[in-house]
Amino acid sequence: FADMFKDATAMMRDYLAKNGKEWEAILHEPDFEKYFTV
């Protein structure tokens, strides 16, 4: 939830840039899509 930690934001962006398929698999799991929006 916290967006004031620049290091945390950078770490997440770097990981996401390299691991996009895993991210998409989580977001498009049927129960996840049914209940949640990032």
ModelCIF file with pLDDT and N, C-alpha, C, O atoms, coordinates in Angstrom:
data_MODEL
#
_entry.id   MODEL 
#
_entity.id                         1 
_entity.type                       polymer 
_entity.pdbx_number_of_molecules   1 
#
_entity_poly.entity_id                      1 
_entity_poly.type                           'polypeptide(L)' 
_entity_poly.nstd_linkage                   no 
_entity_poly.nstd_monomer                   no 
_entity_poly.pdbx_seq_one_letter_code       FADMFKDATAMMRDYLAKNGKEWEAILHEPDFEKYFTV 
_entity_poly.pdbx_seq_one_letter_code_can   FADMFKDATAMMRDYLAKNGKEWEAILHEPDFEKYFTV 
_entity_poly.pdbx_strand_id                 A 
#
loop_
_entity_poly_seq.entity_id 
_entity_poly_seq.num 
_entity_poly_seq.mon_id 
_entity_poly_seq.hetero 
1 1  PHE n 
1 2  ALA n 
1 3  ASP n 
1 4  MET n 
1 5  PHE n 
1 6  LYS n 
1 7  ASP n 
1 8  ALA n 
1 9  THR n 
1 10 ALA n 
1 11 MET n 
1 12 MET n 
1 13 ARG n 
1 14 ASP n 
1 15 TYR n 
1 16 LEU n 
1 17 ALA n 
1 18 LYS n 
1 19 ASN n 
1 20 GLY n 
1 21 LYS n 
1 22 GLU n 
1 23 TRP n 
1 24 GLU n 
1 25 ALA n 
1 26 ILE n 
1 27 LEU n 
1 28 HIS n 
1 29 GLU n 
1 30 PRO n 
1 31 ASP n 
1 32 PHE n 
1 33 GLU n 
1 34 LYS n 
1 35 TYR n 
1 36 PHE n 
1 37 THR n 
1 38 VAL n 
#
_struct_asym.id          A 
_struct_asym.entity_id   1 
#
loop_
_ma_qa_metric.id 
_ma_qa_metric.mode 
_ma_qa_metric.name 
_ma_qa_metric.software_group_id 
_ma_qa_metric.type 
1 global pLDDT . pLDDT 
2 local  pLDDT . pLDDT 
#
_ma_qa_metric_global.metric_id      1 
_ma_qa_metric_global.metric_value   95.89 
_ma_qa_metric_global.model_id       1 
_ma_qa_metric_global.ordinal_id     1 
#
loop_
_ma_qa_metric_local.label_asym_id 
_ma_qa_metric_local.label_comp_id 
_ma_qa_metric_local.label_seq_id 
_ma_qa_metric_local.metric_id 
_ma_qa_metric_local.metric_value 
_ma_qa_metric_local.model_id 
_ma_qa_metric_local.ordinal_id 
A PHE 1  2 93.00 1 1  
A ALA 2  2 88.00 1 2  
A ASP 3  2 89.00 1 3  
A MET 4  2 90.00 1 4  
A PHE 5  2 93.00 1 5  
A LYS 6  2 94.00 1 6  
A ASP 7  2 95.00 1 7  
A ALA 8  2 96.00 1 8  
A THR 9  2 96.00 1 9  
A ALA 10 2 96.00 1 10 
A MET 11 2 97.00 1 11 
A MET 12 2 97.00 1 12 
A ARG 13 2 97.00 1 13 
A ASP 14 2 97.00 1 14 
A TYR 15 2 98.00 1 15 
A LEU 16 2 98.00 1 16 
A ALA 17 2 97.00 1 17 
A LYS 18 2 97.00 1 18 
A ASN 19 2 98.00 1 19 
A GLY 20 2 96.00 1 20 
A LYS 21 2 97.00 1 21 
A GLU 22 2 98.00 1 22 
A TRP 23 2 98.00 1 23 
A GLU 24 2 97.00 1 24 
A ALA 25 2 98.00 1 25 
A ILE 26 2 98.00 1 26 
A LEU 27 2 97.00 1 27 
A HIS 28 2 97.00 1 28 
A GLU 29 2 97.00 1 29 
A PRO 30 2 96.00 1 30 
A ASP 31 2 94.00 1 31 
A PHE 32 2 96.00 1 32 
A GLU 33 2 95.00 1 33 
A LYS 34 2 96.00 1 34 
A TYR 35 2 96.00 1 35 
A PHE 36 2 97.00 1 36 
A THR 37 2 97.00 1 37 
A VAL 38 2 98.00 1 38 
#
loop_
_atom_site.group_PDB 
_atom_site.id 
_atom_site.type_symbol 
_atom_site.label_atom_id 
_atom_site.label_alt_id 
_atom_site.label_comp_id 
_atom_site.label_asym_id 
_atom_site.label_entity_id 
_atom_site.label_seq_id 
_atom_site.pdbx_PDB_ins_code 
_atom_site.Cartn_x 
_atom_site.Cartn_y 
_atom_site.Cartn_z 
_atom_site.occupancy 
_atom_site.B_iso_or_equiv 
_atom_site.pdbx_formal_charge 
_atom_site.auth_seq_id 
_atom_site.auth_comp_id 
_atom_site.auth_asym_id 
_atom_site.auth_atom_id 
_atom_site.pdbx_PDB_model_num 
ATOM 1   N N  . PHE A 1 1  ? 0.821   -1.206  0.000   1.00 93.00 ? 1  PHE A N  1 
ATOM 2   C CA . PHE A 1 1  ? 0.000   0.000   0.000   1.00 93.00 ? 1  PHE A CA 1 
ATOM 3   C C  . PHE A 1 1  ? 0.859   1.263   0.000   1.00 93.00 ? 1  PHE A C  1 
ATOM 4   O O  . PHE A 1 1  ? 0.463   2.283   -0.563  1.00 93.00 ? 1  PHE A O  1 
ATOM 5   N N  . ALA A 1 2  ? 2.032   1.198   0.629   1.00 88.00 ? 2  ALA A N  1 
ATOM 6   C CA . ALA A 1 2  ? 2.881   2.377   0.784   1.00 88.00 ? 2  ALA A CA 1 
ATOM 7   C C  . ALA A 1 2  ? 3.593   2.708   -0.517  1.00 88.00 ? 2  ALA A C  1 
ATOM 8   O O  . ALA A 1 2  ? 4.221   1.847   -1.132  1.00 88.00 ? 2  ALA A O  1 
ATOM 9   N N  . ASP A 1 3  ? 3.488   3.968   -0.928  1.00 89.00 ? 3  ASP A N  1 
ATOM 10  C CA . ASP A 1 3  ? 4.148   4.380   -2.178  1.00 89.00 ? 3  ASP A CA 1 
ATOM 11  C C  . ASP A 1 3  ? 5.279   5.375   -1.925  1.00 89.00 ? 3  ASP A C  1 
ATOM 12  O O  . ASP A 1 3  ? 5.823   5.957   -2.864  1.00 89.00 ? 3  ASP A O  1 
ATOM 13  N N  . MET A 1 4  ? 5.636   5.570   -0.635  1.00 90.00 ? 4  MET A N  1 
ATOM 14  C CA . MET A 1 4  ? 6.674   6.567   -0.323  1.00 90.00 ? 4  MET A CA 1 
ATOM 15  C C  . MET A 1 4  ? 8.077   5.968   -0.250  1.00 90.00 ? 4  MET A C  1 
ATOM 16  O O  . MET A 1 4  ? 9.055   6.693   -0.066  1.00 90.00 ? 4  MET A O  1 
ATOM 17  N N  . PHE A 1 5  ? 8.176   4.646   -0.392  1.00 93.00 ? 5  PHE A N  1 
ATOM 18  C CA . PHE A 1 5  ? 9.480   3.992   -0.322  1.00 93.00 ? 5  PHE A CA 1 
ATOM 19  C C  . PHE A 1 5  ? 10.009  3.765   -1.740  1.00 93.00 ? 5  PHE A C  1 
ATOM 20  O O  . PHE A 1 5  ? 9.658   2.784   -2.395  1.00 93.00 ? 5  PHE A O  1 
ATOM 21  N N  . LYS A 1 6  ? 10.852  4.681   -2.199  1.00 94.00 ? 6  LYS A N  1 
ATOM 22  C CA . LYS A 1 6  ? 11.318  4.633   -3.586  1.00 94.00 ? 6  LYS A CA 1 
ATOM 23  C C  . LYS A 1 6  ? 12.079  3.346   -3.895  1.00 94.00 ? 6  LYS A C  1 
ATOM 24  O O  . LYS A 1 6  ? 11.981  2.815   -5.002  1.00 94.00 ? 6  LYS A O  1 
ATOM 25  N N  . ASP A 1 7  ? 12.839  2.844   -2.921  1.00 95.00 ? 7  ASP A N  1 
ATOM 26  C CA . ASP A 1 7  ? 13.596  1.608   -3.150  1.00 95.00 ? 7  ASP A CA 1 
ATOM 27  C C  . ASP A 1 7  ? 12.658  0.434   -3.385  1.00 95.00 ? 7  ASP A C  1 
ATOM 28  O O  . ASP A 1 7  ? 12.907  -0.399  -4.257  1.00 95.00 ? 7  ASP A O  1 
ATOM 29  N N  . ALA A 1 8  ? 11.569  0.364   -2.603  1.00 96.00 ? 8  ALA A N  1 
ATOM 30  C CA . ALA A 1 8  ? 10.609  -0.732  -2.762  1.00 96.00 ? 8  ALA A CA 1 
ATOM 31  C C  . ALA A 1 8  ? 9.943   -0.651  -4.133  1.00 96.00 ? 8  ALA A C  1 
ATOM 32  O O  . ALA A 1 8  ? 9.779   -1.670  -4.803  1.00 96.00 ? 8  ALA A O  1 
ATOM 33  N N  . THR A 1 9  ? 9.562   0.547   -4.549  1.00 96.00 ? 9  THR A N  1 
ATOM 34  C CA . THR A 1 9  ? 8.948   0.726   -5.866  1.00 96.00 ? 9  THR A CA 1 
ATOM 35  C C  . THR A 1 9  ? 9.909   0.297   -6.967  1.00 96.00 ? 9  THR A C  1 
ATOM 36  O O  . THR A 1 9  ? 9.508   -0.392  -7.905  1.00 96.00 ? 9  THR A O  1 
ATOM 37  N N  . ALA A 1 10 ? 11.171  0.697   -6.862  1.00 96.00 ? 10 ALA A N  1 
ATOM 38  C CA . ALA A 1 10 ? 12.162  0.338   -7.886  1.00 96.00 ? 10 ALA A CA 1 
ATOM 39  C C  . ALA A 1 10 ? 12.393  -1.169  -7.926  1.00 96.00 ? 10 ALA A C  1 
ATOM 40  O O  . ALA A 1 10 ? 12.508  -1.749  -9.006  1.00 96.00 ? 10 ALA A O  1 
ATOM 41  N N  . MET A 1 11 ? 12.461  -1.805  -6.764  1.00 97.00 ? 11 MET A N  1 
ATOM 42  C CA . MET A 1 11 ? 12.672  -3.255  -6.712  1.00 97.00 ? 11 MET A CA 1 
ATOM 43  C C  . MET A 1 11 ? 11.522  -3.999  -7.364  1.00 97.00 ? 11 MET A C  1 
ATOM 44  O O  . MET A 1 11 ? 11.734  -4.963  -8.099  1.00 97.00 ? 11 MET A O  1 
ATOM 45  N N  . MET A 1 12 ? 10.303  -3.552  -7.095  1.00 97.00 ? 12 MET A N  1 
ATOM 46  C CA . MET A 1 12 ? 9.144   -4.201  -7.693  1.00 97.00 ? 12 MET A CA 1 
ATOM 47  C C  . MET A 1 12 ? 9.107   -3.984  -9.202  1.00 97.00 ? 12 MET A C  1 
ATOM 48  O O  . MET A 1 12 ? 8.819   -4.919  -9.949  1.00 97.00 ? 12 MET A O  1 
ATOM 49  N N  . ARG A 1 13 ? 9.392   -2.779  -9.661  1.00 97.00 ? 13 ARG A N  1 
ATOM 50  C CA . ARG A 1 13 ? 9.400   -2.518  -11.105 1.00 97.00 ? 13 ARG A CA 1 
ATOM 51  C C  . ARG A 1 13 ? 10.457  -3.372  -11.805 1.00 97.00 ? 13 ARG A C  1 
ATOM 52  O O  . ARG A 1 13 ? 10.198  -3.944  -12.864 1.00 97.00 ? 13 ARG A O  1 
ATOM 53  N N  . ASP A 1 14 ? 11.642  -3.456  -11.214 1.00 97.00 ? 14 ASP A N  1 
ATOM 54  C CA . ASP A 1 14 ? 12.718  -4.246  -11.823 1.00 97.00 ? 14 ASP A CA 1 
ATOM 55  C C  . ASP A 1 14 ? 12.327  -5.713  -11.924 1.00 97.00 ? 14 ASP A C  1 
ATOM 56  O O  . ASP A 1 14 ? 12.577  -6.362  -12.939 1.00 97.00 ? 14 ASP A O  1 
ATOM 57  N N  . TYR A 1 15 ? 11.715  -6.226  -10.873 1.00 98.00 ? 15 TYR A N  1 
ATOM 58  C CA . TYR A 1 15 ? 11.317  -7.635  -10.863 1.00 98.00 ? 15 TYR A CA 1 
ATOM 59  C C  . TYR A 1 15 ? 10.201  -7.876  -11.874 1.00 98.00 ? 15 TYR A C  1 
ATOM 60  O O  . TYR A 1 15 ? 10.206  -8.870  -12.601 1.00 98.00 ? 15 TYR A O  1 
ATOM 61  N N  . LEU A 1 16 ? 9.246   -6.950  -11.906 1.00 98.00 ? 16 LEU A N  1 
ATOM 62  C CA . LEU A 1 16 ? 8.123   -7.077  -12.833 1.00 98.00 ? 16 LEU A CA 1 
ATOM 63  C C  . LEU A 1 16 ? 8.604   -7.029  -14.285 1.00 98.00 ? 16 LEU A C  1 
ATOM 64  O O  . LEU A 1 16 ? 8.103   -7.769  -15.132 1.00 98.00 ? 16 LEU A O  1 
ATOM 65  N N  . ALA A 1 17 ? 9.568   -6.165  -14.567 1.00 97.00 ? 17 ALA A N  1 
ATOM 66  C CA . ALA A 1 17 ? 10.088  -6.043  -15.933 1.00 97.00 ? 17 ALA A CA 1 
ATOM 67  C C  . ALA A 1 17 ? 10.703  -7.352  -16.417 1.00 97.00 ? 17 ALA A C  1 
ATOM 68  O O  . ALA A 1 17 ? 10.688  -7.648  -17.612 1.00 97.00 ? 17 ALA A O  1 
ATOM 69  N N  . LYS A 1 18 ? 11.245  -8.133  -15.484 1.00 97.00 ? 18 LYS A N  1 
ATOM 70  C CA . LYS A 1 18 ? 11.910  -9.387  -15.843 1.00 97.00 ? 18 LYS A CA 1 
ATOM 71  C C  . LYS A 1 18 ? 11.016  -10.611 -15.663 1.00 97.00 ? 18 LYS A C  1 
ATOM 72  O O  . LYS A 1 18 ? 11.331  -11.681 -16.184 1.00 97.00 ? 18 LYS A O  1 
ATOM 73  N N  . ASN A 1 19 ? 9.923   -10.476 -14.947 1.00 98.00 ? 19 ASN A N  1 
ATOM 74  C CA . ASN A 1 19 ? 9.081   -11.634 -14.605 1.00 98.00 ? 19 ASN A CA 1 
ATOM 75  C C  . ASN A 1 19 ? 7.613   -11.347 -14.901 1.00 98.00 ? 19 ASN A C  1 
ATOM 76  O O  . ASN A 1 19 ? 6.733   -11.605 -14.079 1.00 98.00 ? 19 ASN A O  1 
ATOM 77  N N  . GLY A 1 20 ? 7.372   -10.811 -16.086 1.00 96.00 ? 20 GLY A N  1 
ATOM 78  C CA . GLY A 1 20 ? 6.023   -10.422 -16.469 1.00 96.00 ? 20 GLY A CA 1 
ATOM 79  C C  . GLY A 1 20 ? 5.069   -11.590 -16.656 1.00 96.00 ? 20 GLY A C  1 
ATOM 80  O O  . GLY A 1 20 ? 3.882   -11.480 -16.348 1.00 96.00 ? 20 GLY A O  1 
ATOM 81  N N  . LYS A 1 21 ? 5.586   -12.720 -17.163 1.00 97.00 ? 21 LYS A N  1 
ATOM 82  C CA . LYS A 1 21 ? 4.686   -13.863 -17.403 1.00 97.00 ? 21 LYS A CA 1 
ATOM 83  C C  . LYS A 1 21 ? 4.130   -14.417 -16.093 1.00 97.00 ? 21 LYS A C  1 
ATOM 84  O O  . LYS A 1 21 ? 2.962   -14.796 -16.019 1.00 97.00 ? 21 LYS A O  1 
ATOM 85  N N  . GLU A 1 22 ? 4.971   -14.461 -15.064 1.00 98.00 ? 22 GLU A N  1 
ATOM 86  C CA . GLU A 1 22 ? 4.500   -14.943 -13.757 1.00 98.00 ? 22 GLU A CA 1 
ATOM 87  C C  . GLU A 1 22 ? 3.430   -14.006 -13.204 1.00 98.00 ? 22 GLU A C  1 
ATOM 88  O O  . GLU A 1 22 ? 2.442   -14.460 -12.627 1.00 98.00 ? 22 GLU A O  1 
ATOM 89  N N  . TRP A 1 23 ? 3.623   -12.715 -13.377 1.00 98.00 ? 23 TRP A N  1 
ATOM 90  C CA . TRP A 1 23 ? 2.648   -11.697 -12.951 1.00 98.00 ? 23 TRP A CA 1 
ATOM 91  C C  . TRP A 1 23 ? 1.315   -11.900 -13.662 1.00 98.00 ? 23 TRP A C  1 
ATOM 92  O O  . TRP A 1 23 ? 0.260   -11.896 -13.029 1.00 98.00 ? 23 TRP A O  1 
ATOM 93  N N  . GLU A 1 24 ? 1.367   -12.077 -14.968 1.00 97.00 ? 24 GLU A N  1 
ATOM 94  C CA . GLU A 1 24 ? 0.144   -12.268 -15.743 1.00 97.00 ? 24 GLU A CA 1 
ATOM 95  C C  . GLU A 1 24 ? -0.584  -13.544 -15.334 1.00 97.00 ? 24 GLU A C  1 
ATOM 96  O O  . GLU A 1 24 ? -1.813  -13.573 -15.276 1.00 97.00 ? 24 GLU A O  1 
ATOM 97  N N  . ALA A 1 25 ? 0.184   -14.605 -15.050 1.00 98.00 ? 25 ALA A N  1 
ATOM 98  C CA . ALA A 1 25 ? -0.435  -15.869 -14.636 1.00 98.00 ? 25 ALA A CA 1 
ATOM 99  C C  . ALA A 1 25 ? -1.208  -15.694 -13.333 1.00 98.00 ? 25 ALA A C  1 
ATOM 100 O O  . ALA A 1 25 ? -2.286  -16.267 -13.169 1.00 98.00 ? 25 ALA A O  1 
ATOM 101 N N  . ILE A 1 26 ? -0.663  -14.903 -12.404 1.00 98.00 ? 26 ILE A N  1 
ATOM 102 C CA . ILE A 1 26 ? -1.345  -14.650 -11.130 1.00 98.00 ? 26 ILE A CA 1 
ATOM 103 C C  . ILE A 1 26 ? -2.612  -13.831 -11.359 1.00 98.00 ? 26 ILE A C  1 
ATOM 104 O O  . ILE A 1 26 ? -3.673  -14.160 -10.827 1.00 98.00 ? 26 ILE A O  1 
ATOM 105 N N  . LEU A 1 27 ? -2.501  -12.776 -12.144 1.00 97.00 ? 27 LEU A N  1 
ATOM 106 C CA . LEU A 1 27 ? -3.637  -11.874 -12.344 1.00 97.00 ? 27 LEU A CA 1 
ATOM 107 C C  . LEU A 1 27 ? -4.768  -12.511 -13.133 1.00 97.00 ? 27 LEU A C  1 
ATOM 108 O O  . LEU A 1 27 ? -5.926  -12.118 -12.990 1.00 97.00 ? 27 LEU A O  1 
ATOM 109 N N  . HIS A 1 28 ? -4.436  -13.505 -13.977 1.00 97.00 ? 28 HIS A N  1 
ATOM 110 C CA . HIS A 1 28 ? -5.474  -14.116 -14.813 1.00 97.00 ? 28 HIS A CA 1 
ATOM 111 C C  . HIS A 1 28 ? -5.931  -15.480 -14.297 1.00 97.00 ? 28 HIS A C  1 
ATOM 112 O O  . HIS A 1 28 ? -6.652  -16.199 -14.989 1.00 97.00 ? 28 HIS A O  1 
ATOM 113 N N  . GLU A 1 29 ? -5.512  -15.834 -13.082 1.00 97.00 ? 29 GLU A N  1 
ATOM 114 C CA . GLU A 1 29 ? -6.068  -17.035 -12.452 1.00 97.00 ? 29 GLU A CA 1 
ATOM 115 C C  . GLU A 1 29 ? -7.551  -16.756 -12.218 1.00 97.00 ? 29 GLU A C  1 
ATOM 116 O O  . GLU A 1 29 ? -7.888  -15.683 -11.716 1.00 97.00 ? 29 GLU A O  1 
ATOM 117 N N  . PRO A 1 30 ? -8.461  -17.692 -12.568 1.00 96.00 ? 30 PRO A N  1 
ATOM 118 C CA . PRO A 1 30 ? -9.896  -17.385 -12.569 1.00 96.00 ? 30 PRO A CA 1 
ATOM 119 C C  . PRO A 1 30 ? -10.441 -16.787 -11.269 1.00 96.00 ? 30 PRO A C  1 
ATOM 120 O O  . PRO A 1 30 ? -11.169 -15.795 -11.321 1.00 96.00 ? 30 PRO A O  1 
ATOM 121 N N  . ASP A 1 31 ? -10.115 -17.356 -10.111 1.00 94.00 ? 31 ASP A N  1 
ATOM 122 C CA . ASP A 1 31 ? -10.636 -16.811 -8.854  1.00 94.00 ? 31 ASP A CA 1 
ATOM 123 C C  . ASP A 1 31 ? -10.081 -15.419 -8.586  1.00 94.00 ? 31 ASP A C  1 
ATOM 124 O O  . ASP A 1 31 ? -10.785 -14.555 -8.062  1.00 94.00 ? 31 ASP A O  1 
ATOM 125 N N  . PHE A 1 32 ? -8.821  -15.201 -8.945  1.00 96.00 ? 32 PHE A N  1 
ATOM 126 C CA . PHE A 1 32 ? -8.229  -13.879 -8.745  1.00 96.00 ? 32 PHE A CA 1 
ATOM 127 C C  . PHE A 1 32 ? -8.968  -12.847 -9.588  1.00 96.00 ? 32 PHE A C  1 
ATOM 128 O O  . PHE A 1 32 ? -9.344  -11.785 -9.092  1.00 96.00 ? 32 PHE A O  1 
ATOM 129 N N  . GLU A 1 33 ? -9.172  -13.162 -10.851 1.00 95.00 ? 33 GLU A N  1 
ATOM 130 C CA . GLU A 1 33 ? -9.873  -12.229 -11.749 1.00 95.00 ? 33 GLU A CA 1 
ATOM 131 C C  . GLU A 1 33 ? -11.296 -11.956 -11.276 1.00 95.00 ? 33 GLU A C  1 
ATOM 132 O O  . GLU A 1 33 ? -11.823 -10.859 -11.460 1.00 95.00 ? 33 GLU A O  1 
ATOM 133 N N  . LYS A 1 34 ? -11.909 -12.962 -10.665 1.00 96.00 ? 34 LYS A N  1 
ATOM 134 C CA . LYS A 1 34 ? -13.290 -12.825 -10.200 1.00 96.00 ? 34 LYS A CA 1 
ATOM 135 C C  . LYS A 1 34 ? -13.399 -11.825 -9.057  1.00 96.00 ? 34 LYS A C  1 
ATOM 136 O O  . LYS A 1 34 ? -14.370 -11.072 -8.976  1.00 96.00 ? 34 LYS A O  1 
ATOM 137 N N  . TYR A 1 35 ? -12.392 -11.815 -8.162  1.00 96.00 ? 35 TYR A N  1 
ATOM 138 C CA . TYR A 1 35 ? -12.508 -11.040 -6.933  1.00 96.00 ? 35 TYR A CA 1 
ATOM 139 C C  . TYR A 1 35 ? -11.670 -9.767  -6.873  1.00 96.00 ? 35 TYR A C  1 
ATOM 140 O O  . TYR A 1 35 ? -11.994 -8.856  -6.110  1.00 96.00 ? 35 TYR A O  1 
ATOM 141 N N  . PHE A 1 36 ? -10.607 -9.688  -7.657  1.00 97.00 ? 36 PHE A N  1 
ATOM 142 C CA . PHE A 1 36 ? -9.639  -8.608  -7.426  1.00 97.00 ? 36 PHE A CA 1 
ATOM 143 C C  . PHE A 1 36 ? -9.292  -7.816  -8.686  1.00 97.00 ? 36 PHE A C  1 
ATOM 144 O O  . PHE A 1 36 ? -9.317  -8.341  -9.800  1.00 97.00 ? 36 PHE A O  1 
ATOM 145 N N  . THR A 1 37 ? -8.973  -6.555  -8.482  1.00 97.00 ? 37 THR A N  1 
ATOM 146 C CA . THR A 1 37 ? -8.365  -5.684  -9.472  1.00 97.00 ? 37 THR A CA 1 
ATOM 147 C C  . THR A 1 37 ? -7.173  -5.018  -8.808  1.00 97.00 ? 37 THR A C  1 
ATOM 148 O O  . THR A 1 37 ? -7.303  -4.480  -7.708  1.00 97.00 ? 37 THR A O  1 
ATOM 149 N N  . VAL A 1 38 ? -6.031  -5.042  -9.445  1.00 98.00 ? 38 VAL A N  1 
ATOM 150 C CA . VAL A 1 38 ? -4.834  -4.429  -8.858  1.00 98.00 ? 38 VAL A CA 1 
ATOM 151 C C  . VAL A 1 38 ? -5.002  -2.909  -8.851  1.00 98.00 ? 38 VAL A C  1 
ATOM 152 O O  . VAL A 1 38 ? -4.110  -2.191  -8.399  1.00 98.00 ? 38 VAL A O  1 
#
